[in-house]
Amino acid sequence: MRLPVPESSHAVLIGTTTYSGSFAARPLPAVANNVTDLAAVLTDEQYGGFLAENCTSVLDEDDRNAILRAVRAAAARATDVLLVYLSGHALPKELASNEIHLLLPGSDDSGEDFWWNHALPYSDIRRIVRESQAACRMVVIDTCFSGRALAEAMGKADGEAFVVSGSYVLASAGSNIHAVAPAGARYTAFTGVLIDLLTNGIDDPSPELSLPRIFPRLRQTLLSAGYPEPDHSATRTVDQKAVVRNRAALIARDLAPDVITDLGSDVNTIIVRGLQRLEDLYDQGTRSVRDRIRSEVLRLLDHDSKIVSQEAGRLYDLIRAWEDDPGGPAEPKRPGRLRGALTDPWLGASAVVLALVAGAVLWWTGLPAGLAAAVAAPLALLGYAAAIAVAVFSTPPEKD
């Protein structure tokens, strides 16, 4: 498995949040977060598989031709991986048909007009994706009735079958099932779980993640939460094309096994001990270590045990403070050996005493006071330099 070739891979993320007709009272504000945050995950500089400049977001576009042009431009440029994401309300043109239409802001299904003339047919998206020269083509659909896209994908359309090597379609719900957008949630149900898995990774030794690889966990999580069952279809080789790095696998290597064991314990005091050890690790850790620690702390904020949740809350407050001021109070810089010798008050005092003694001795031998002082001064400086040299070469260097 490998990540996309950045320069020759493209993604297009399409979403609609506001509607007309019978859907005017059912906006989907979470779709904006779906598109924005999924794009951020896919283009993350450390873990993502796509370049930011090759990831196009299209939100609340009412001109379906403008949307199709954006998809076509990406499909024409992509030679390695093409990914298209769709989110919003959708309806089948006919109940007995597999053809679904994505509703746009101006799509009005409440009148007697042919509402689908101002909606975006998924078949148009499918056709563009099918004709792309990309080695791997992926479509992710988070809409009602999205399962119908699977039948379109693997069946015949326009006299051709979309069953070529390297194609993948992931749907949020079945053919006759409505997708779910929990009220007040940041994301729709399906995309929220997808973003979480792509962001935090899964317990899998693979350093990269493909969409087929995370599907079992995606399905399990959604079903456990009472959400519709997702579905997917894939042809061979698509599982070898990852979309992100597996953060869980990569950063787990940076935490000691005993710390991970403590955090997974059933004994609350042991979990607290693990959290306390995370504090030192966060302060000293790399970015990947900090990402893992933050994830573990967030997971334990809602722990059933009060002592665990309180300790997690304390550490979370520290993490937020560190993130707000990543530099923090700078440690005083330890002086080097030469700087330490030059700033040593005893050596400076010794030089003054040496000058006074040398001047007094020379004056006592009969030299005029002025001449005695003139001779004593360079003698004192010479002695001071010798003392500094001895201090520098006799003091071991500071170790970090």
Protein backbone atom coordinates (compact mmCIF):
# COMPACT_ATOMS: atom_id res chain seq x y z
CA MET A 1 0.00 0.00 0.00
CA ARG A 2 1.20 3.50 -0.76
CA LEU A 3 0.00 7.06 -0.60
CA PRO A 4 -1.05 8.93 -3.75
CA VAL A 5 1.63 10.51 -5.89
CA PRO A 6 1.06 14.10 -4.74
CA GLU A 7 1.66 15.91 -8.00
CA SER A 8 -0.63 13.63 -10.04
CA SER A 9 -3.48 13.08 -7.56
CA HIS A 10 -6.52 15.31 -7.14
CA ALA A 11 -9.57 15.51 -4.89
CA VAL A 12 -12.87 17.40 -5.29
CA LEU A 13 -15.17 17.84 -2.31
CA ILE A 14 -18.73 18.98 -3.03
CA GLY A 15 -21.38 19.95 -0.49
CA THR A 16 -24.64 21.87 -0.21
CA THR A 17 -25.95 23.35 3.03
CA THR A 18 -28.99 25.44 2.01
CA TYR A 19 -32.01 24.42 -0.07
CA SER A 20 -35.27 25.49 -1.66
CA GLY A 21 -38.68 23.85 -1.85
CA SER A 22 -39.59 21.26 0.74
CA PHE A 23 -35.95 21.11 1.88
CA ALA A 24 -35.72 24.83 2.67
CA ALA A 25 -36.59 24.08 6.29
CA ARG A 26 -34.01 21.28 6.42
CA PRO A 27 -30.62 22.95 5.93
CA LEU A 28 -27.45 20.98 6.51
CA PRO A 29 -24.93 23.38 8.10
CA ALA A 30 -22.77 20.40 9.11
CA VAL A 31 -21.98 19.74 5.45
CA ALA A 32 -19.76 22.82 5.39
CA ASN A 33 -17.68 21.30 8.19
CA ASN A 34 -17.71 17.96 6.37
CA VAL A 35 -16.06 19.52 3.34
CA THR A 36 -13.68 21.84 5.16
CA ASP A 37 -12.39 19.36 7.72
CA LEU A 38 -12.19 16.38 5.37
CA ALA A 39 -10.09 18.51 3.03
CA ALA A 40 -7.85 19.41 5.97
CA VAL A 41 -7.36 15.73 6.84
CA LEU A 42 -6.58 14.73 3.28
CA THR A 43 -4.05 17.54 2.84
CA ASP A 44 -2.42 17.46 6.28
CA GLU A 45 1.28 18.09 5.70
CA GLN A 46 2.39 15.25 7.96
CA TYR A 47 -0.32 12.63 7.53
CA GLY A 48 -2.37 13.51 4.43
CA GLY A 49 -2.03 12.03 0.97
CA PHE A 50 -2.97 15.05 -1.18
CA LEU A 51 -1.47 18.45 -1.85
CA ALA A 52 -3.61 21.37 -0.70
CA GLU A 53 -3.41 22.97 -4.14
CA ASN A 54 -4.78 19.75 -5.69
CA CYS A 55 -7.81 19.61 -3.40
CA THR A 56 -10.84 21.61 -4.60
CA SER A 57 -13.79 22.38 -2.33
CA VAL A 58 -17.15 23.37 -3.85
CA LEU A 59 -19.75 24.59 -1.35
CA ASP A 60 -23.31 25.76 -2.07
CA GLU A 61 -22.74 26.05 -5.80
CA ASP A 62 -26.11 26.41 -7.58
CA ASP A 63 -24.74 25.95 -11.10
CA ARG A 64 -24.41 22.24 -11.73
CA ASN A 65 -22.26 22.88 -14.80
CA ALA A 66 -19.75 24.73 -12.62
CA ILE A 67 -19.59 21.69 -10.34
CA LEU A 68 -19.12 19.33 -13.26
CA ARG A 69 -16.37 21.54 -14.67
CA ALA A 70 -14.50 21.36 -11.35
CA VAL A 71 -14.78 17.56 -11.33
CA ARG A 72 -13.77 17.32 -14.97
CA ALA A 73 -10.71 19.54 -14.43
CA ALA A 74 -9.52 17.35 -11.57
CA ALA A 75 -10.28 14.15 -13.51
CA ALA A 76 -8.28 15.41 -16.48
CA ARG A 77 -5.23 16.24 -14.37
CA ALA A 78 -5.23 13.16 -12.14
CA THR A 79 -3.16 10.27 -13.39
CA ASP A 80 -2.61 8.49 -10.08
CA VAL A 81 -5.58 9.01 -7.69
CA LEU A 82 -8.87 10.85 -8.22
CA LEU A 83 -11.17 11.27 -5.22
CA VAL A 84 -14.64 12.84 -5.37
CA TYR A 85 -16.69 13.47 -2.21
CA LEU A 86 -20.38 14.43 -2.28
CA SER A 87 -22.51 15.51 0.68
CA GLY A 88 -26.01 16.93 1.04
CA HIS A 89 -29.63 16.09 0.30
CA ALA A 90 -30.34 13.79 -2.64
CA LEU A 91 -33.43 12.20 -4.20
CA PRO A 92 -34.02 9.48 -6.77
CA LYS A 93 -35.60 10.73 -9.96
CA GLU A 94 -38.01 7.83 -9.72
CA LEU A 95 -38.50 5.43 -6.82
CA ALA A 96 -37.76 2.44 -9.05
CA SER A 97 -34.65 4.01 -10.55
CA ASN A 98 -31.05 3.79 -9.38
CA GLU A 99 -30.44 7.32 -10.64
CA ILE A 100 -30.12 9.85 -7.82
CA HIS A 101 -29.86 13.62 -8.04
CA LEU A 102 -27.98 15.83 -5.61
CA LEU A 103 -30.10 18.81 -4.67
CA LEU A 104 -28.52 22.23 -5.14
CA PRO A 105 -29.51 25.48 -3.39
CA GLY A 106 -32.05 26.29 -6.12
CA SER A 107 -33.47 22.78 -6.59
CA ASP A 108 -37.21 23.09 -5.88
CA ASP A 109 -38.95 19.73 -5.52
CA SER A 110 -42.17 21.20 -4.14
CA GLY A 111 -43.70 22.37 -7.42
CA GLU A 112 -44.90 20.53 -10.49
CA ASP A 113 -41.84 21.45 -12.52
CA PHE A 114 -39.24 18.87 -13.38
CA TRP A 115 -37.13 19.53 -10.29
CA TRP A 116 -34.31 17.29 -11.43
CA ASN A 117 -33.51 19.73 -14.23
CA HIS A 118 -32.00 22.00 -11.58
CA ALA A 119 -30.31 19.23 -9.59
CA LEU A 120 -27.00 17.44 -10.16
CA PRO A 121 -27.37 13.91 -11.56
CA TYR A 122 -24.92 11.53 -9.98
CA SER A 123 -24.69 9.82 -13.37
CA ASP A 124 -22.87 12.89 -14.71
CA ILE A 125 -20.31 12.66 -11.91
CA ARG A 126 -19.97 8.94 -12.51
CA ARG A 127 -19.38 9.43 -16.22
CA ILE A 128 -16.58 11.95 -15.65
CA VAL A 129 -14.92 9.75 -13.03
CA ARG A 130 -15.20 6.69 -15.24
CA GLU A 131 -13.53 8.44 -18.15
CA SER A 132 -10.61 9.75 -16.08
CA GLN A 133 -7.18 8.29 -16.79
CA ALA A 134 -6.41 8.13 -13.06
CA ALA A 135 -5.06 4.75 -11.96
CA CYS A 136 -7.38 4.76 -8.96
CA ARG A 137 -10.81 6.45 -8.83
CA MET A 138 -12.70 6.88 -5.57
CA VAL A 139 -16.17 8.31 -4.92
CA VAL A 140 -17.51 8.91 -1.40
CA ILE A 141 -21.22 9.77 -1.16
CA ASP A 142 -22.84 11.02 2.05
CA THR A 143 -26.45 11.54 0.98
CA CYS A 144 -29.83 9.90 1.39
CA PHE A 145 -30.34 6.94 -0.97
CA SER A 146 -26.58 6.93 -1.63
CA GLY A 147 -26.59 3.14 -1.86
CA ARG A 148 -28.16 3.51 -5.28
CA ALA A 149 -24.84 4.84 -6.52
CA LEU A 150 -23.35 1.41 -5.89
CA ALA A 151 -25.79 -0.17 -8.30
CA GLU A 152 -24.91 2.50 -10.84
CA ALA A 153 -21.23 2.07 -10.25
CA MET A 154 -21.11 -1.67 -10.80
CA GLY A 155 -23.91 -1.90 -13.36
CA LYS A 156 -24.05 -0.75 -16.94
CA ALA A 157 -24.36 2.90 -17.79
CA ASP A 158 -24.26 4.40 -21.23
CA GLY A 159 -23.40 0.98 -22.61
CA GLU A 160 -20.28 0.59 -20.44
CA ALA A 161 -19.62 -1.12 -17.15
CA PHE A 162 -17.79 0.71 -14.39
CA VAL A 163 -15.98 -2.40 -13.21
CA VAL A 164 -12.47 -1.49 -14.23
CA SER A 165 -9.48 -2.07 -12.01
CA GLY A 166 -8.90 0.62 -9.40
CA SER A 167 -12.43 1.92 -8.76
CA TYR A 168 -14.13 2.40 -5.40
CA VAL A 169 -17.48 3.78 -4.25
CA LEU A 170 -18.31 4.33 -0.57
CA ALA A 171 -21.92 5.15 0.33
CA SER A 172 -23.25 6.41 3.66
CA ALA A 173 -26.59 4.57 3.53
CA GLY A 174 -28.61 1.96 1.67
CA SER A 175 -30.60 2.41 -1.51
CA ASN A 176 -33.79 3.38 0.33
CA ILE A 177 -32.30 4.76 3.54
CA HIS A 178 -32.00 8.36 4.65
CA ALA A 179 -28.59 9.53 5.82
CA VAL A 180 -28.41 11.10 9.28
CA ALA A 181 -27.32 14.58 10.32
CA PRO A 182 -27.64 14.81 14.14
CA ALA A 183 -29.02 18.16 15.26
CA GLY A 184 -26.28 20.48 16.49
CA ALA A 185 -23.47 18.08 15.57
CA ARG A 186 -20.39 19.38 13.83
CA TYR A 187 -20.64 16.75 11.08
CA THR A 188 -23.19 14.49 9.53
CA ALA A 189 -23.11 11.05 11.16
CA PHE A 190 -21.27 9.18 8.40
CA THR A 191 -18.68 11.84 7.57
CA GLY A 192 -18.04 12.52 11.26
CA VAL A 193 -16.94 8.92 11.81
CA LEU A 194 -14.98 8.92 8.55
CA ILE A 195 -13.08 12.07 9.53
CA ASP A 196 -12.37 10.66 12.99
CA LEU A 197 -10.91 7.44 11.58
CA LEU A 198 -8.82 9.23 8.98
CA THR A 199 -7.58 11.72 11.58
CA ASN A 200 -6.76 9.37 14.46
CA GLY A 201 -6.09 6.19 12.51
CA ILE A 202 -7.00 2.65 13.49
CA ASP A 203 -5.36 -0.11 15.46
CA ASP A 204 -3.63 -1.62 12.48
CA PRO A 205 0.09 -2.16 11.83
CA SER A 206 -0.12 -0.63 8.36
CA PRO A 207 1.48 2.84 8.24
CA GLU A 208 -1.05 3.93 5.58
CA LEU A 209 -4.83 3.69 5.32
CA SER A 210 -7.01 3.09 2.30
CA LEU A 211 -10.77 3.55 2.34
CA PRO A 212 -11.43 -0.21 2.04
CA ARG A 213 -9.04 -0.80 4.96
CA ILE A 214 -11.02 1.44 7.32
CA PHE A 215 -14.46 0.33 6.09
CA PRO A 216 -14.98 -2.45 8.69
CA ARG A 217 -14.27 -0.01 11.54
CA LEU A 218 -16.44 2.65 9.87
CA ARG A 219 -19.33 0.23 9.58
CA GLN A 220 -18.95 -1.08 13.13
CA THR A 221 -18.82 2.41 14.64
CA LEU A 222 -21.87 3.65 12.76
CA LEU A 223 -23.96 0.59 13.56
CA SER A 224 -22.97 0.74 17.23
CA ALA A 225 -24.22 4.32 17.36
CA GLY A 226 -27.52 3.37 15.75
CA TYR A 227 -26.80 5.04 12.42
CA PRO A 228 -27.52 3.61 8.95
CA GLU A 229 -25.23 0.90 7.66
CA PRO A 230 -22.76 2.14 5.04
CA ASP A 231 -21.88 0.11 1.98
CA HIS A 232 -19.09 0.04 -0.56
CA SER A 233 -17.95 -1.58 -3.76
CA ALA A 234 -14.38 -2.04 -4.86
CA THR A 235 -12.36 -3.62 -7.61
CA ARG A 236 -8.95 -5.15 -7.18
CA THR A 237 -5.89 -2.94 -6.59
CA VAL A 238 -7.89 -0.12 -5.02
CA ASP A 239 -6.99 -1.34 -1.53
CA GLN A 240 -3.36 -0.63 -2.37
CA LYS A 241 -4.01 3.11 -2.71
CA ALA A 242 -4.02 4.84 0.65
CA VAL A 243 -5.48 8.30 1.27
CA VAL A 244 -3.77 9.15 4.59
CA ARG A 245 -1.06 7.84 6.89
CA ASN A 246 -2.26 5.72 9.79
CA ARG A 247 -1.62 8.11 12.65
CA ALA A 248 -2.38 5.50 15.31
CA ALA A 249 0.24 3.11 13.95
CA LEU A 250 2.88 5.79 13.45
CA ILE A 251 2.64 7.57 16.76
CA ALA A 252 2.10 4.46 18.86
CA ARG A 253 5.77 3.73 18.21
CA ASP A 254 6.70 6.88 20.10
CA LEU A 255 4.98 5.94 23.39
CA ALA A 256 6.48 3.37 25.72
CA PRO A 257 4.48 0.11 25.82
CA ASP A 258 4.02 0.38 29.59
CA VAL A 259 2.41 3.83 29.23
CA ILE A 260 -0.02 2.46 26.67
CA THR A 261 -0.75 -0.44 29.02
CA ASP A 262 -1.46 1.96 31.90
CA LEU A 263 -3.85 4.03 29.82
CA GLY A 264 -5.76 0.91 28.78
CA SER A 265 -6.03 -0.48 32.30
CA ASP A 266 -9.32 -1.23 34.06
CA VAL A 267 -7.89 0.18 37.30
CA ASN A 268 -8.55 3.92 37.61
CA THR A 269 -5.45 4.70 39.66
CA ILE A 270 -3.26 3.05 37.03
CA ILE A 271 -4.91 5.13 34.29
CA VAL A 272 -4.20 8.25 36.35
CA ARG A 273 -0.57 7.15 36.65
CA GLY A 274 -0.43 6.81 32.85
CA LEU A 275 -1.89 10.30 32.41
CA GLN A 276 0.66 11.77 34.80
CA ARG A 277 3.45 10.22 32.77
CA LEU A 278 2.00 11.77 29.62
CA GLU A 279 2.65 15.25 31.01
CA ASP A 280 6.44 14.82 30.87
CA LEU A 281 6.22 13.04 27.52
CA TYR A 282 4.21 15.90 26.00
CA ASP A 283 6.66 18.53 27.17
CA GLN A 284 9.57 16.64 25.62
CA GLY A 285 7.88 14.89 22.71
CA THR A 286 7.85 15.30 18.97
CA ARG A 287 4.77 16.44 17.08
CA SER A 288 3.60 12.86 16.56
CA VAL A 289 3.95 12.12 20.28
CA ARG A 290 1.95 15.24 21.14
CA ASP A 291 -0.76 14.28 18.67
CA ARG A 292 -1.08 10.87 20.29
CA ILE A 293 -1.12 12.29 23.82
CA ARG A 294 -3.78 14.82 22.91
CA SER A 295 -5.90 12.04 21.43
CA GLU A 296 -5.54 9.90 24.56
CA VAL A 297 -6.40 12.81 26.86
CA LEU A 298 -9.50 13.72 24.84
CA ARG A 299 -10.62 10.10 24.97
CA LEU A 300 -10.41 10.07 28.77
CA LEU A 301 -12.12 13.40 29.43
CA ASP A 302 -15.49 11.66 29.64
CA HIS A 303 -14.27 8.65 31.61
CA ASP A 304 -16.72 7.17 34.10
CA SER A 305 -14.22 7.61 36.92
CA LYS A 306 -14.07 11.09 38.42
CA ILE A 307 -10.38 10.87 39.30
CA VAL A 308 -9.54 9.85 35.73
CA SER A 309 -11.68 12.55 34.10
CA GLN A 310 -10.29 15.20 36.50
CA GLU A 311 -6.69 14.24 35.75
CA ALA A 312 -7.46 14.18 32.02
CA GLY A 313 -9.07 17.63 32.36
CA ARG A 314 -6.02 18.99 34.19
CA LEU A 315 -3.69 17.67 31.51
CA TYR A 316 -5.97 18.93 28.73
CA ASP A 317 -5.80 22.44 30.21
CA LEU A 318 -2.01 22.19 30.19
CA ILE A 319 -2.01 21.00 26.59
CA ARG A 320 -4.17 23.92 25.55
CA ALA A 321 -1.83 26.31 27.34
CA TRP A 322 1.15 24.73 25.55
CA GLU A 323 -0.63 24.99 22.20
CA ASP A 324 -1.49 28.65 22.81
CA ASP A 325 2.13 29.41 23.74
CA PRO A 326 4.21 26.64 22.14
CA GLY A 327 7.46 28.30 23.10
CA GLY A 328 6.53 28.68 26.74
CA PRO A 329 8.94 30.26 29.19
CA ALA A 330 12.37 29.77 27.73
CA GLU A 331 14.90 27.94 29.83
CA PRO A 332 17.88 30.11 30.77
CA LYS A 333 20.67 29.33 28.44
CA ARG A 334 23.54 27.64 30.17
CA PRO A 335 26.77 29.55 29.68
CA GLY A 336 29.62 27.96 27.80
CA ARG A 337 32.99 27.37 29.48
CA LEU A 338 34.57 30.61 28.20
CA ARG A 339 31.51 32.71 29.04
CA GLY A 340 31.38 31.12 32.48
CA ALA A 341 35.02 31.98 33.14
CA LEU A 342 34.65 35.56 31.93
CA THR A 343 31.65 36.10 34.18
CA ASP A 344 33.24 34.44 37.23
CA PRO A 345 33.44 37.21 39.90
CA TRP A 346 36.29 35.47 41.74
CA LEU A 347 38.59 35.59 38.73
CA GLY A 348 37.86 39.30 38.23
CA ALA A 349 38.50 40.02 41.92
CA SER A 350 41.74 38.03 41.77
CA ALA A 351 42.96 40.18 38.89
CA VAL A 352 42.32 43.37 40.87
CA VAL A 353 44.11 41.99 43.93
CA LEU A 354 47.03 40.87 41.75
CA ALA A 355 47.33 44.39 40.27
CA LEU A 356 47.33 46.01 43.72
CA VAL A 357 49.91 43.58 45.13
CA ALA A 358 52.20 43.90 42.09
CA GLY A 359 52.01 47.70 42.21
CA ALA A 360 52.78 47.78 45.97
CA VAL A 361 55.79 45.48 45.57
CA LEU A 362 57.21 47.51 42.70
CA TRP A 363 56.68 50.77 44.59
CA TRP A 364 58.34 49.26 47.67
CA THR A 365 61.43 48.40 45.56
CA GLY A 366 61.85 52.10 44.78
CA LEU A 367 59.95 52.63 41.53
CA PRO A 368 57.82 55.77 41.36
CA ALA A 369 54.16 55.12 42.07
CA GLY A 370 53.05 55.93 38.51
CA LEU A 371 55.62 53.63 36.92
CA ALA A 372 54.81 50.88 39.43
CA ALA A 373 51.10 51.09 38.49
CA ALA A 374 51.91 51.08 34.76
CA VAL A 375 53.95 47.89 35.10
CA ALA A 376 51.51 46.18 37.50
CA ALA A 377 48.48 46.61 35.23
CA PRO A 378 49.68 44.44 32.31
CA LEU A 379 51.04 41.88 34.80
CA ALA A 380 47.56 41.66 36.34
CA LEU A 381 45.91 41.31 32.92
CA LEU A 382 48.37 38.58 31.98
CA GLY A 383 47.58 36.73 35.19
CA TYR A 384 43.84 37.16 34.61
CA ALA A 385 44.17 35.69 31.10
CA ALA A 386 46.15 32.76 32.46
CA ALA A 387 43.46 32.13 35.10
CA ILE A 388 40.73 32.15 32.44
CA ALA A 389 42.69 29.70 30.30
CA VAL A 390 43.11 27.35 33.25
CA ALA A 391 39.40 27.61 34.07
CA VAL A 392 38.32 26.91 30.48
CA PHE A 393 40.52 23.89 29.95
CA SER A 394 39.97 22.38 33.37
CA THR A 395 36.14 22.62 33.30
CA PRO A 396 34.22 19.79 31.51
CA PRO A 397 31.66 20.93 28.91
CA GLU A 398 27.97 21.12 29.87
CA LYS A 399 25.94 18.17 28.63
CA ASP A 400 22.38 18.51 27.25
